[in-house]
Structures are given as structure tokens and as C-alpha cells.
Amino acid sequence: MRFTSLGSGSEGNALLVECGDDASPVRLLIDCGFGVRELTRRIGRAGLAPADLHALLVTHEHGDHIGGAAAAANAFGLPLLMTDGTARAGLKSATPLRTLDPGRPIEIAGVRVEPVAVPHDAREPVQFVIDDGIARLGVLTDLGHVTPHVIGAMSKLDAIVLECNHDSEMLAAGSYPPALKRRIGGDYGHLSNAASAQLLARIDHSRLRTVVAAHLSQSNNRPELARSALARAWGQPEDAVRVADQTEGLDWTRV
């Protein structure tokens, strides 16, 4: 298994996961916050074409995650998968889709996809664990607080892409309106660096080899702060933690 971020942040998110052998890989796109043209460009930057994808999974209905999903699914002939709540809140047209039930795993071409319910200010948000029978990748962005369910679902992973949205002190001192600060820092907003580090410390990370900080705020965080917080919780050097960028994403990473 390997994965690459095509972009991570409030201006658009997309993560591409490739499973299986080189002769017949299965490629899943998680979220699509980019338009068709920009998505195509970013997929090309990863050395692939839209025709190489097998399915598009959506975590929730916020525009930076679902904004381009229906158009991309229609343009590229991709199965579109999301919860019923996400579809009702985020799809403006009757786009064909496969409904996901939180907590009920499905298989896509032999790859196990586990939708994990999370607390976030969306209709029926989920995150994902991707399991190809050899490696397990957890994708955990956009949640306001850590729950026992999330801890259990994200344990015994080989790699995790983990939200580090903001530094609490930077958010408090920043220029955002008070209501937005409360929303971001609230129980259904986004994880701070410290909260993400606490999550990482609590999960069973005995198998964990790769940690990626994702969904960093460009106004209220810095990569070095996120990297430092996660490295301490993981017990690894800071340079062992990678960071997914809004513009450049993250290069292919082997799990």
C-alpha cells in the first residue's frame, strides 16, 4: 500500500490510496475538494490519470471535502461513496452513489474500507481505515474531539494521516472572529496540535511506522509545531513526522 495527498487544508482536500500489486492496483480517492481540472492536474502530478482511479469516498459535506466530488465522479465514471447524511446535506443533484453505514466495513475490489463515525459539525461525518490485508492506513481529519470509538478504530495501524488543524495559542491570538474561534476549537470543530498528540499517544501504535500531520490551518498553525507535538507523543524524532501541504500535498508514501 502507498498513499499521496493531493492537497490538505481548508482550500481543498484529496488523498489518493493505492493498494494491491503493481500489475493490478486498486486506487481509492478520499475526498475531492478540487474542481475537475485542478484534480486532474494534481493526479497527473502524482504520475497517474483519472482513468486509473476505482472509487471516490467522501468523509462529509463541507466544501473543501465534497466540493468537486459529484463532478469528478460523473466526469471520470467513478463510483461515489458517502453516508446518507452526507449525501442529503452535500449533494445538490441526484448523483448515483453507494451509501456507507458508519461502523459497517465494505470491500472495494478486495480492499476493506472501514467508515469510522467522528464528532464534527456535519450531518453524518466519517473518517476511514483502509485495510488491504497487509497494511492498515487510518485517515483522521476533521473531528472536534477524541472519543473511545475513534481510539479503538485507529489502533493497530501501520500509518495514520492525522489532523493537526491549529495551535491553540495561535488561534486564540489570531484575527478570526470570536464565533469562528469557538467553532474551530469546540467539540465539533477541529483538533489542535495538542489534542492530536493526545490521540496519538492513546492509540495502540505498536505497528505504526508512518505519521502524517494534515489539514493544518495556514493562519493558525505552523508545520514545525504540528511535527513537534506528534513526534513527542509518538516517541520519535521530529523529522519522522511528515506534513501534508495545501499546495504541494505529500509525495507518495509507502505503508
Foldseek 3Di string as FASTA:
>chain_A
DKKFWLFFAPQATKIWDWDDDPVQIAIEIEFTLDAPVSVQVSVVVQVDGLLRHAAYEFFAAPNRGHVHPLVSCVVNVHAYEEAPQRCVPHPPDPRDHDHDDAQDWDDDPQKIWHWHFAQAPGRTGTWIWIHNPPFIEGEEWQFQADDPSNLVVPAPHQEYAYEAAAALVQLVPDDDPPVVSCRQNDRRHGDHLQRRLVSLLRHHCVNYQAYEYGHYHPRGHDLQSSLVSNCVSNVHDSVRYHYAHRNRGGHMDDD
